[in-house]
């Protein structure tokens, strides 16, 4: 289930990236793990705003009160949404190491969101391969990562308001975290 640094190096090399570039992306996005060490479940972030887009008439519930929570709470919200619509719940959740939203299944080459989830559950290796496919399907994102333009990477991957959100949550801005992680892994 765990991916090794050697496997990350191989994936990076085969895709025109350096180990440090790919490892920085993985570390900042996921804290280096695709599965919850306490439960073994895949790491998720359920997004109520996306679920509401997919299910505009869904009654409020535990799913609608979810914020950026611990994994136990994320799964409670996800499971509540699942009862309404399994497909919409999966589409409205970012998963694994790369925290890619389920609605990107087609962009990643999957036939369904369920197929994406099943593949991501197989292991971190599959998750990193999907991350690289995601990056390479956006020329701007790929170029930004190759040239270490961390602001552009952060803007494309986490949205234009990533600095505002970091301030709101009392976190370091995403671009700064990426740069620091890259410098750490470049040594």
N, C-alpha and C. Protein backbone atom coordinates (compact mmCIF):
# COMPACT_ATOMS: atom_id res chain seq x y z
N UNK A 1 0.82 -1.21 0.00
CA UNK A 1 0.00 0.00 0.00
C UNK A 1 0.86 1.27 0.00
N UNK A 2 1.91 1.31 0.81
CA UNK A 2 2.79 2.48 0.88
C UNK A 2 3.66 2.54 -0.37
N UNK A 3 3.92 3.74 -0.82
CA UNK A 3 4.82 3.93 -1.95
C UNK A 3 6.21 4.25 -1.41
N UNK A 4 7.22 3.74 -2.06
CA UNK A 4 8.60 3.99 -1.63
C UNK A 4 9.15 5.21 -2.36
N UNK A 5 10.19 5.81 -1.78
CA UNK A 5 10.85 6.92 -2.46
C UNK A 5 11.42 6.47 -3.80
N UNK A 6 11.88 5.22 -3.88
CA UNK A 6 12.41 4.70 -5.13
C UNK A 6 11.32 4.67 -6.21
N UNK A 7 10.11 4.28 -5.83
CA UNK A 7 9.00 4.27 -6.78
C UNK A 7 8.64 5.69 -7.22
N UNK A 8 8.68 6.64 -6.28
CA UNK A 8 8.39 8.04 -6.62
C UNK A 8 9.46 8.56 -7.58
N UNK A 9 10.72 8.21 -7.33
CA UNK A 9 11.81 8.62 -8.24
C UNK A 9 11.57 8.08 -9.64
N UNK A 10 11.17 6.83 -9.73
CA UNK A 10 10.92 6.20 -11.03
C UNK A 10 9.75 6.88 -11.76
N UNK A 11 8.66 7.14 -11.05
CA UNK A 11 7.51 7.81 -11.65
C UNK A 11 7.90 9.21 -12.12
N UNK A 12 8.63 9.93 -11.27
CA UNK A 12 9.07 11.29 -11.63
C UNK A 12 9.94 11.25 -12.88
N UNK A 13 10.94 10.40 -12.88
CA UNK A 13 11.87 10.30 -14.02
C UNK A 13 11.13 9.95 -15.32
N UNK A 14 10.17 9.05 -15.24
CA UNK A 14 9.41 8.63 -16.43
C UNK A 14 8.46 9.71 -16.95
N UNK A 15 8.31 10.78 -16.18
CA UNK A 15 7.35 11.82 -16.55
C UNK A 15 7.96 13.22 -16.61
N UNK A 16 9.29 13.28 -16.74
CA UNK A 16 9.95 14.57 -16.92
C UNK A 16 9.98 15.45 -15.69
N UNK A 17 9.87 14.83 -14.52
CA UNK A 17 9.92 15.57 -13.26
C UNK A 17 11.11 15.10 -12.45
N UNK A 18 11.49 15.89 -11.47
CA UNK A 18 12.51 15.43 -10.53
C UNK A 18 11.81 14.82 -9.31
N UNK A 19 12.55 14.02 -8.60
CA UNK A 19 12.03 13.44 -7.36
C UNK A 19 11.57 14.55 -6.42
N UNK A 20 12.40 15.60 -6.28
CA UNK A 20 12.08 16.69 -5.35
C UNK A 20 10.79 17.40 -5.73
N UNK A 21 10.55 17.61 -7.02
CA UNK A 21 9.32 18.27 -7.46
C UNK A 21 8.09 17.44 -7.10
N UNK A 22 8.13 16.15 -7.44
CA UNK A 22 6.98 15.28 -7.17
C UNK A 22 6.80 15.03 -5.68
N UNK A 23 7.89 14.81 -4.98
CA UNK A 23 7.82 14.54 -3.53
C UNK A 23 7.29 15.77 -2.78
N UNK A 24 7.70 16.96 -3.19
CA UNK A 24 7.19 18.19 -2.56
C UNK A 24 5.68 18.27 -2.72
N UNK A 25 5.20 18.01 -3.92
CA UNK A 25 3.77 18.05 -4.20
C UNK A 25 3.03 17.05 -3.31
N UNK A 26 3.56 15.83 -3.23
CA UNK A 26 2.93 14.78 -2.42
C UNK A 26 2.93 15.18 -0.94
N UNK A 27 4.06 15.62 -0.44
CA UNK A 27 4.16 15.96 0.99
C UNK A 27 3.22 17.08 1.39
N UNK A 28 3.15 18.12 0.59
CA UNK A 28 2.33 19.27 0.95
C UNK A 28 0.85 18.94 0.83
N UNK A 29 0.49 18.19 -0.18
CA UNK A 29 -0.92 17.89 -0.39
C UNK A 29 -1.44 16.87 0.62
N UNK A 30 -0.61 15.93 1.04
CA UNK A 30 -1.14 14.82 1.83
C UNK A 30 -0.41 14.55 3.13
N UNK A 31 0.57 15.32 3.47
CA UNK A 31 1.42 15.00 4.62
C UNK A 31 2.08 13.65 4.43
N UNK A 32 2.20 13.22 3.19
CA UNK A 32 2.97 12.01 2.88
C UNK A 32 2.24 10.70 3.04
N UNK A 33 0.93 10.70 3.22
CA UNK A 33 0.22 9.44 3.40
C UNK A 33 -1.12 9.46 2.67
N UNK A 34 -1.43 8.36 2.01
CA UNK A 34 -2.70 8.24 1.31
C UNK A 34 -3.75 7.51 2.11
N UNK A 35 -3.33 6.94 3.25
CA UNK A 35 -4.24 6.17 4.08
C UNK A 35 -4.09 6.59 5.54
N UNK A 36 -5.18 6.59 6.27
CA UNK A 36 -5.19 6.95 7.68
C UNK A 36 -4.49 5.84 8.48
N UNK A 37 -3.39 6.15 9.15
CA UNK A 37 -2.68 5.11 9.89
C UNK A 37 -3.52 4.49 11.02
N UNK A 38 -4.49 5.24 11.52
CA UNK A 38 -5.31 4.72 12.63
C UNK A 38 -6.34 3.70 12.15
N UNK A 39 -6.87 3.89 10.92
CA UNK A 39 -7.96 3.02 10.46
C UNK A 39 -7.62 2.23 9.20
N UNK A 40 -6.60 2.67 8.46
CA UNK A 40 -6.27 2.03 7.20
C UNK A 40 -7.15 2.50 6.04
N UNK A 41 -8.13 3.36 6.33
CA UNK A 41 -9.01 3.87 5.27
C UNK A 41 -8.27 4.92 4.46
N UNK A 42 -8.70 5.07 3.21
CA UNK A 42 -8.15 6.10 2.35
C UNK A 42 -8.44 7.48 2.96
N UNK A 43 -7.49 8.40 2.85
CA UNK A 43 -7.66 9.76 3.35
C UNK A 43 -8.67 10.47 2.44
N UNK A 44 -9.63 11.16 3.07
CA UNK A 44 -10.64 11.89 2.29
C UNK A 44 -10.84 13.29 2.85
N UNK A 45 -11.41 14.14 2.00
CA UNK A 45 -11.92 15.45 2.40
C UNK A 45 -13.24 15.62 1.67
N UNK A 46 -14.33 15.45 2.39
CA UNK A 46 -15.66 15.59 1.80
C UNK A 46 -15.99 17.07 1.70
N UNK A 47 -16.49 17.49 0.52
CA UNK A 47 -16.77 18.90 0.25
C UNK A 47 -18.28 19.12 0.12
N UNK A 48 -18.94 19.61 1.18
CA UNK A 48 -20.39 19.82 1.12
C UNK A 48 -20.83 20.73 -0.04
N UNK A 49 -20.04 21.75 -0.37
CA UNK A 49 -20.45 22.66 -1.44
C UNK A 49 -20.52 21.93 -2.78
N UNK A 50 -19.62 20.99 -3.02
CA UNK A 50 -19.68 20.21 -4.25
C UNK A 50 -20.84 19.24 -4.23
N UNK A 51 -21.10 18.64 -3.08
CA UNK A 51 -22.23 17.71 -2.99
C UNK A 51 -23.54 18.44 -3.29
N UNK A 52 -23.67 19.64 -2.78
CA UNK A 52 -24.88 20.43 -3.01
C UNK A 52 -25.05 20.74 -4.51
N UNK A 53 -23.94 20.92 -5.22
CA UNK A 53 -24.02 21.15 -6.67
C UNK A 53 -24.56 19.90 -7.39
N UNK A 54 -24.12 18.74 -6.91
CA UNK A 54 -24.55 17.48 -7.53
C UNK A 54 -25.95 17.08 -7.09
N UNK A 55 -26.31 17.45 -5.86
CA UNK A 55 -27.61 17.06 -5.28
C UNK A 55 -28.28 18.31 -4.70
N UNK A 56 -28.76 19.22 -5.56
CA UNK A 56 -29.29 20.50 -5.07
C UNK A 56 -30.51 20.38 -4.16
N UNK A 57 -31.21 19.27 -4.22
CA UNK A 57 -32.41 19.12 -3.39
C UNK A 57 -32.20 18.18 -2.20
N UNK A 58 -30.94 17.85 -1.94
CA UNK A 58 -30.65 16.95 -0.81
C UNK A 58 -31.00 17.63 0.51
N UNK A 59 -31.67 16.90 1.40
CA UNK A 59 -31.97 17.49 2.71
C UNK A 59 -30.69 17.68 3.51
N UNK A 60 -30.66 18.71 4.35
CA UNK A 60 -29.49 18.93 5.21
C UNK A 60 -29.30 17.72 6.11
N UNK A 61 -28.07 17.56 6.52
CA UNK A 61 -27.74 16.44 7.40
C UNK A 61 -26.32 16.60 7.89
N UNK A 62 -25.74 15.52 8.36
CA UNK A 62 -24.35 15.56 8.83
C UNK A 62 -23.41 15.97 7.70
N UNK A 63 -23.77 15.61 6.47
CA UNK A 63 -22.93 15.96 5.33
C UNK A 63 -22.82 17.47 5.16
N UNK A 64 -23.90 18.20 5.44
CA UNK A 64 -23.94 19.64 5.15
C UNK A 64 -23.20 20.48 6.18
N UNK A 65 -22.87 19.90 7.32
CA UNK A 65 -22.19 20.65 8.38
C UNK A 65 -20.68 20.40 8.38
N UNK A 66 -20.19 19.64 7.42
CA UNK A 66 -18.78 19.26 7.42
C UNK A 66 -17.88 20.44 7.06
N UNK A 67 -16.75 20.53 7.78
CA UNK A 67 -15.70 21.50 7.47
C UNK A 67 -14.43 20.71 7.20
N UNK A 68 -13.30 21.32 7.38
CA UNK A 68 -12.04 20.59 7.28
C UNK A 68 -11.86 19.91 8.63
N UNK A 69 -12.13 18.62 8.67
CA UNK A 69 -12.22 17.88 9.92
C UNK A 69 -11.18 16.77 10.00
N UNK A 70 -11.17 16.12 11.15
CA UNK A 70 -10.38 14.90 11.31
C UNK A 70 -11.06 13.81 10.48
N UNK A 71 -10.31 12.77 10.17
CA UNK A 71 -10.82 11.72 9.29
C UNK A 71 -12.12 11.08 9.79
N UNK A 72 -12.26 10.88 11.07
CA UNK A 72 -13.50 10.28 11.59
C UNK A 72 -14.71 11.12 11.20
N UNK A 73 -14.61 12.44 11.34
CA UNK A 73 -15.71 13.32 10.99
C UNK A 73 -15.93 13.38 9.48
N UNK A 74 -14.84 13.34 8.73
CA UNK A 74 -14.97 13.34 7.27
C UNK A 74 -15.77 12.12 6.82
N UNK A 75 -15.47 10.97 7.41
CA UNK A 75 -16.18 9.74 7.03
C UNK A 75 -17.64 9.77 7.46
N UNK A 76 -17.94 10.39 8.59
CA UNK A 76 -19.34 10.53 9.01
C UNK A 76 -20.10 11.35 7.98
N UNK A 77 -19.53 12.47 7.57
CA UNK A 77 -20.18 13.34 6.57
C UNK A 77 -20.31 12.60 5.24
N UNK A 78 -19.23 11.95 4.82
CA UNK A 78 -19.25 11.21 3.55
C UNK A 78 -20.33 10.12 3.57
N UNK A 79 -20.37 9.34 4.64
CA UNK A 79 -21.35 8.25 4.73
C UNK A 79 -22.78 8.77 4.75
N UNK A 80 -22.99 9.92 5.36
CA UNK A 80 -24.32 10.54 5.35
C UNK A 80 -24.71 10.93 3.92
N UNK A 81 -23.76 11.52 3.19
CA UNK A 81 -24.01 11.88 1.80
C UNK A 81 -24.20 10.62 0.94
N UNK A 82 -23.45 9.57 1.23
CA UNK A 82 -23.55 8.31 0.49
C UNK A 82 -24.97 7.76 0.53
N UNK A 83 -25.64 7.92 1.67
CA UNK A 83 -27.02 7.43 1.81
C UNK A 83 -27.96 8.14 0.82
N UNK A 84 -27.62 9.37 0.47
CA UNK A 84 -28.44 10.15 -0.48
C UNK A 84 -28.08 9.77 -1.92
N UNK A 85 -26.77 9.74 -2.20
CA UNK A 85 -26.31 9.39 -3.55
C UNK A 85 -24.84 8.96 -3.48
N UNK A 86 -24.58 7.66 -3.62
CA UNK A 86 -23.18 7.20 -3.59
C UNK A 86 -22.30 7.89 -4.63
N UNK A 87 -22.81 8.01 -5.85
CA UNK A 87 -22.00 8.62 -6.91
C UNK A 87 -21.69 10.09 -6.59
N UNK A 88 -22.69 10.84 -6.17
CA UNK A 88 -22.46 12.25 -5.84
C UNK A 88 -21.54 12.40 -4.64
N UNK A 89 -21.63 11.51 -3.67
CA UNK A 89 -20.73 11.55 -2.52
C UNK A 89 -19.28 11.35 -2.96
N UNK A 90 -19.06 10.36 -3.82
CA UNK A 90 -17.69 10.11 -4.31
C UNK A 90 -17.19 11.26 -5.18
N UNK A 91 -18.07 11.81 -6.01
CA UNK A 91 -17.67 12.92 -6.88
C UNK A 91 -17.30 14.17 -6.07
N UNK A 92 -17.87 14.30 -4.88
CA UNK A 92 -17.73 15.50 -4.05
C UNK A 92 -16.65 15.36 -2.99
N UNK A 93 -15.77 14.38 -3.15
CA UNK A 93 -14.76 14.10 -2.14
C UNK A 93 -13.39 14.03 -2.78
N UNK A 94 -12.40 14.67 -2.16
CA UNK A 94 -11.02 14.52 -2.62
C UNK A 94 -10.42 13.35 -1.85
N UNK A 95 -9.60 12.57 -2.55
CA UNK A 95 -9.14 11.32 -1.94
C UNK A 95 -7.65 11.08 -2.12
N UNK A 96 -7.11 10.30 -1.19
CA UNK A 96 -5.75 9.80 -1.27
C UNK A 96 -4.67 10.86 -1.08
N UNK A 97 -3.46 10.47 -1.42
CA UNK A 97 -2.31 11.37 -1.29
C UNK A 97 -2.49 12.67 -2.06
N UNK A 98 -2.94 12.59 -3.32
CA UNK A 98 -3.03 13.82 -4.09
C UNK A 98 -4.27 14.65 -3.80
N UNK A 99 -5.22 14.10 -3.03
CA UNK A 99 -6.46 14.80 -2.72
C UNK A 99 -7.13 15.34 -3.99
N UNK A 100 -7.29 14.45 -4.96
CA UNK A 100 -7.96 14.81 -6.21
C UNK A 100 -9.46 14.57 -6.04
N UNK A 101 -10.25 15.55 -6.45
CA UNK A 101 -11.70 15.43 -6.36
C UNK A 101 -12.20 14.31 -7.27
N UNK A 102 -13.19 13.59 -6.77
CA UNK A 102 -13.77 12.49 -7.52
C UNK A 102 -14.31 12.87 -8.88
N UNK A 103 -14.82 14.11 -9.00
CA UNK A 103 -15.39 14.50 -10.29
C UNK A 103 -14.35 14.58 -11.41
N UNK A 104 -13.07 14.43 -11.08
CA UNK A 104 -12.01 14.43 -12.10
C UNK A 104 -11.74 13.03 -12.65
N UNK A 105 -12.60 12.06 -12.34
CA UNK A 105 -12.36 10.68 -12.75
C UNK A 105 -12.09 10.56 -14.25
N UNK A 106 -12.89 11.23 -15.06
CA UNK A 106 -12.76 11.10 -16.51
C UNK A 106 -11.42 11.69 -16.99
N UNK A 107 -11.05 12.82 -16.44
CA UNK A 107 -9.78 13.47 -16.78
C UNK A 107 -8.61 12.52 -16.50
N UNK A 108 -8.74 11.69 -15.49
CA UNK A 108 -7.67 10.76 -15.10
C UNK A 108 -7.71 9.45 -15.88
N UNK A 109 -8.72 9.29 -16.74
CA UNK A 109 -8.78 8.10 -17.57
C UNK A 109 -9.65 6.97 -17.02
N UNK A 110 -10.44 7.26 -15.99
CA UNK A 110 -11.33 6.25 -15.43
C UNK A 110 -12.70 6.33 -16.12
N UNK A 111 -13.39 5.20 -16.17
CA UNK A 111 -14.72 5.17 -16.78
C UNK A 111 -15.80 5.67 -15.83
N UNK A 112 -15.52 5.62 -14.52
CA UNK A 112 -16.50 6.06 -13.53
C UNK A 112 -15.76 6.54 -12.29
N UNK A 113 -16.47 7.27 -11.45
CA UNK A 113 -15.87 7.73 -10.20
C UNK A 113 -15.60 6.54 -9.28
N UNK A 114 -16.46 5.53 -9.34
CA UNK A 114 -16.24 4.32 -8.54
C UNK A 114 -14.96 3.60 -8.93
N UNK A 115 -14.67 3.57 -10.24
CA UNK A 115 -13.43 2.95 -10.72
C UNK A 115 -12.21 3.73 -10.18
N UNK A 116 -12.31 5.04 -10.16
CA UNK A 116 -11.23 5.87 -9.61
C UNK A 116 -11.01 5.52 -8.13
N UNK A 117 -12.10 5.50 -7.36
CA UNK A 117 -11.98 5.19 -5.93
C UNK A 117 -11.37 3.80 -5.73
N UNK A 118 -11.82 2.82 -6.50
CA UNK A 118 -11.29 1.47 -6.36
C UNK A 118 -9.80 1.43 -6.63
N UNK A 119 -9.36 2.16 -7.67
CA UNK A 119 -7.93 2.20 -8.00
C UNK A 119 -7.14 2.88 -6.89
N UNK A 120 -7.64 4.01 -6.40
CA UNK A 120 -6.93 4.73 -5.34
C UNK A 120 -6.83 3.88 -4.07
N UNK A 121 -7.83 3.06 -3.80
CA UNK A 121 -7.81 2.21 -2.61
C UNK A 121 -6.77 1.10 -2.72
N UNK A 122 -6.33 0.79 -3.93
CA UNK A 122 -5.33 -0.27 -4.12
C UNK A 122 -3.99 0.10 -3.52
N UNK A 123 -3.65 1.40 -3.53
CA UNK A 123 -2.38 1.79 -2.93
C UNK A 123 -1.91 3.17 -3.34
N UNK A 124 -0.89 3.63 -2.64
CA UNK A 124 -0.34 4.96 -2.90
C UNK A 124 0.34 5.04 -4.26
N UNK A 125 0.87 3.92 -4.75
CA UNK A 125 1.50 3.92 -6.07
C UNK A 125 0.49 4.35 -7.13
N UNK A 126 -0.71 3.77 -7.09
CA UNK A 126 -1.76 4.14 -8.03
C UNK A 126 -2.17 5.60 -7.85
N UNK A 127 -2.18 6.07 -6.62
CA UNK A 127 -2.54 7.46 -6.35
C UNK A 127 -1.53 8.42 -6.96
N UNK A 128 -0.25 8.10 -6.85
CA UNK A 128 0.79 8.98 -7.41
C UNK A 128 0.76 8.94 -8.94
N UNK A 129 0.52 7.77 -9.51
CA UNK A 129 0.38 7.69 -10.96
C UNK A 129 -0.78 8.59 -11.43
N UNK A 130 -1.90 8.55 -10.69
CA UNK A 130 -3.05 9.40 -11.03
C UNK A 130 -2.70 10.88 -10.87
N UNK A 131 -1.95 11.22 -9.84
CA UNK A 131 -1.53 12.60 -9.64
C UNK A 131 -0.73 13.09 -10.84
N UNK A 132 0.20 12.28 -11.31
CA UNK A 132 1.01 12.68 -12.46
C UNK A 132 0.14 12.83 -13.71
N UNK A 133 -0.82 11.92 -13.89
CA UNK A 133 -1.75 12.08 -15.03
C UNK A 133 -2.52 13.38 -14.90
N UNK A 134 -2.95 13.71 -13.69
CA UNK A 134 -3.69 14.96 -13.47
C UNK A 134 -2.81 16.16 -13.83
N UNK A 135 -1.59 16.15 -13.37
CA UNK A 135 -0.66 17.26 -13.64
C UNK A 135 -0.42 17.39 -15.15
N UNK A 136 -0.19 16.27 -15.80
CA UNK A 136 0.17 16.30 -17.22
C UNK A 136 -1.01 16.62 -18.13
N UNK A 137 -2.24 16.54 -17.63
CA UNK A 137 -3.39 16.92 -18.45
C UNK A 137 -3.63 18.43 -18.44
N UNK A 138 -2.81 19.15 -17.71
CA UNK A 138 -2.90 20.61 -17.66
C UNK A 138 -1.50 21.15 -17.95
N UNK A 139 -1.29 21.58 -19.19
CA UNK A 139 0.05 22.04 -19.60
C UNK A 139 0.59 23.13 -18.69
N UNK A 140 -0.28 24.04 -18.29
CA UNK A 140 0.14 25.14 -17.42
C UNK A 140 0.63 24.62 -16.06
N UNK A 141 -0.11 23.68 -15.49
CA UNK A 141 0.28 23.10 -14.21
C UNK A 141 1.59 22.33 -14.34
N UNK A 142 1.70 21.54 -15.38
CA UNK A 142 2.92 20.77 -15.60
C UNK A 142 4.14 21.69 -15.75
N UNK A 143 4.01 22.73 -16.59
CA UNK A 143 5.12 23.69 -16.79
C UNK A 143 5.47 24.40 -15.48
N UNK A 144 4.45 24.76 -14.72
CA UNK A 144 4.71 25.46 -13.45
C UNK A 144 5.48 24.56 -12.49
N UNK A 145 5.12 23.29 -12.45
CA UNK A 145 5.84 22.37 -11.56
C UNK A 145 7.27 22.17 -12.03
N UNK A 146 7.47 21.98 -13.33
CA UNK A 146 8.81 21.79 -13.89
C UNK A 146 9.69 23.01 -13.63
N UNK A 147 9.12 24.21 -13.77
CA UNK A 147 9.91 25.44 -13.58
C UNK A 147 9.91 25.93 -12.14
N UNK A 148 9.26 25.18 -11.27
CA UNK A 148 9.18 25.51 -9.83
C UNK A 148 8.50 26.86 -9.58
N UNK A 149 7.48 27.13 -10.36
CA UNK A 149 6.66 28.32 -10.18
C UNK A 149 5.56 27.94 -9.19
N UNK A 150 5.91 27.99 -7.91
CA UNK A 150 5.04 27.46 -6.85
C UNK A 150 3.73 28.23 -6.73
N UNK A 151 3.76 29.53 -7.00
CA UNK A 151 2.51 30.30 -6.95
C UNK A 151 1.51 29.79 -7.99
N UNK A 152 1.99 29.55 -9.20
CA UNK A 152 1.09 29.06 -10.25
C UNK A 152 0.60 27.66 -9.93
N UNK A 153 1.48 26.79 -9.43
CA UNK A 153 1.06 25.44 -9.02
C UNK A 153 -0.05 25.56 -7.98
N UNK A 154 0.17 26.39 -6.98
CA UNK A 154 -0.82 26.55 -5.90
C UNK A 154 -2.14 27.11 -6.42
N UNK A 155 -2.05 28.08 -7.30
CA UNK A 155 -3.27 28.70 -7.85
C UNK A 155 -4.08 27.70 -8.66
N UNK A 156 -3.41 26.93 -9.51
CA UNK A 156 -4.13 25.96 -10.35
C UNK A 156 -4.67 24.81 -9.50
N UNK A 157 -3.88 24.30 -8.58
CA UNK A 157 -4.28 23.10 -7.84
C UNK A 157 -5.23 23.39 -6.69
N UNK A 158 -5.07 24.53 -6.04
CA UNK A 158 -5.89 24.82 -4.85
C UNK A 158 -6.78 26.05 -5.01
N UNK A 159 -6.71 26.71 -6.15
CA UNK A 159 -7.57 27.85 -6.40
C UNK A 159 -6.89 29.17 -6.13
N UNK A 160 -7.40 30.21 -6.78
CA UNK A 160 -6.80 31.54 -6.71
C UNK A 160 -6.81 32.13 -5.30
N UNK A 161 -7.70 31.67 -4.46
CA UNK A 161 -7.80 32.23 -3.09
C UNK A 161 -7.01 31.39 -2.07
N UNK A 162 -6.02 30.62 -2.54
CA UNK A 162 -5.29 29.76 -1.62
C UNK A 162 -4.59 30.54 -0.49
N UNK A 163 -4.09 31.75 -0.77
CA UNK A 163 -3.43 32.54 0.28
C UNK A 163 -4.45 33.02 1.31
N UNK A 164 -5.60 33.45 0.83
CA UNK A 164 -6.68 33.91 1.71
C UNK A 164 -7.14 32.76 2.62
N UNK A 165 -7.28 31.57 2.05
CA UNK A 165 -7.72 30.41 2.82
C UNK A 165 -6.65 30.02 3.86
N UNK A 166 -5.40 30.09 3.48
CA UNK A 166 -4.31 29.77 4.41
C UNK A 166 -4.36 30.71 5.61
N UNK A 167 -4.57 31.98 5.33
CA UNK A 167 -4.66 32.97 6.41
C UNK A 167 -5.85 32.66 7.32
N UNK A 168 -6.99 32.36 6.71
CA UNK A 168 -8.21 32.04 7.46
C UNK A 168 -7.99 30.86 8.40
N UNK A 169 -7.29 29.84 7.91
CA UNK A 169 -7.07 28.63 8.71
C UNK A 169 -5.79 28.68 9.54
N UNK A 170 -5.07 29.80 9.47
CA UNK A 170 -3.83 29.93 10.25
C UNK A 170 -2.73 29.00 9.76
N UNK A 171 -2.67 28.81 8.45
CA UNK A 171 -1.69 27.91 7.85
C UNK A 171 -0.72 28.69 6.98
N UNK A 172 0.39 28.07 6.71
CA UNK A 172 1.36 28.63 5.77
C UNK A 172 0.77 28.56 4.36
N UNK A 173 0.95 29.59 3.55
CA UNK A 173 0.43 29.54 2.18
C UNK A 173 1.01 28.34 1.41
N UNK A 174 0.19 27.78 0.56
CA UNK A 174 0.51 26.57 -0.19
C UNK A 174 1.79 26.71 -1.00
N UNK A 175 1.99 27.87 -1.63
CA UNK A 175 3.19 28.07 -2.45
C UNK A 175 4.45 28.04 -1.61
N UNK A 176 4.38 28.61 -0.42
CA UNK A 176 5.53 28.62 0.49
C UNK A 176 5.84 27.20 0.96
N UNK A 177 4.79 26.46 1.30
CA UNK A 177 4.97 25.06 1.72
C UNK A 177 5.59 24.23 0.61
N UNK A 178 5.14 24.43 -0.62
CA UNK A 178 5.71 23.69 -1.76
C UNK A 178 7.19 24.01 -1.94
N UNK A 179 7.52 25.30 -1.89
CA UNK A 179 8.92 25.71 -2.07
C UNK A 179 9.81 25.09 -0.99
N UNK A 180 9.35 25.16 0.27
CA UNK A 180 10.14 24.61 1.37
C UNK A 180 10.31 23.10 1.24
N UNK A 181 9.24 22.41 0.86
CA UNK A 181 9.33 20.96 0.69
C UNK A 181 10.27 20.61 -0.46
N UNK A 182 10.19 21.37 -1.55
CA UNK A 182 11.10 21.14 -2.67
C UNK A 182 12.56 21.32 -2.23
N UNK A 183 12.83 22.39 -1.50
CA UNK A 183 14.19 22.65 -1.03
C UNK A 183 14.66 21.53 -0.12
N UNK A 184 13.79 21.03 0.72
CA UNK A 184 14.13 19.91 1.62
C UNK A 184 14.52 18.67 0.83
N UNK A 185 13.73 18.32 -0.18
CA UNK A 185 13.97 17.09 -0.94
C UNK A 185 15.05 17.26 -2.00
N UNK A 186 15.47 18.49 -2.28
CA UNK A 186 16.53 18.73 -3.26
C UNK A 186 17.92 18.50 -2.69
N UNK A 187 18.00 18.45 -1.38
CA UNK A 187 19.31 18.32 -0.74
C UNK A 187 19.91 16.94 -0.93
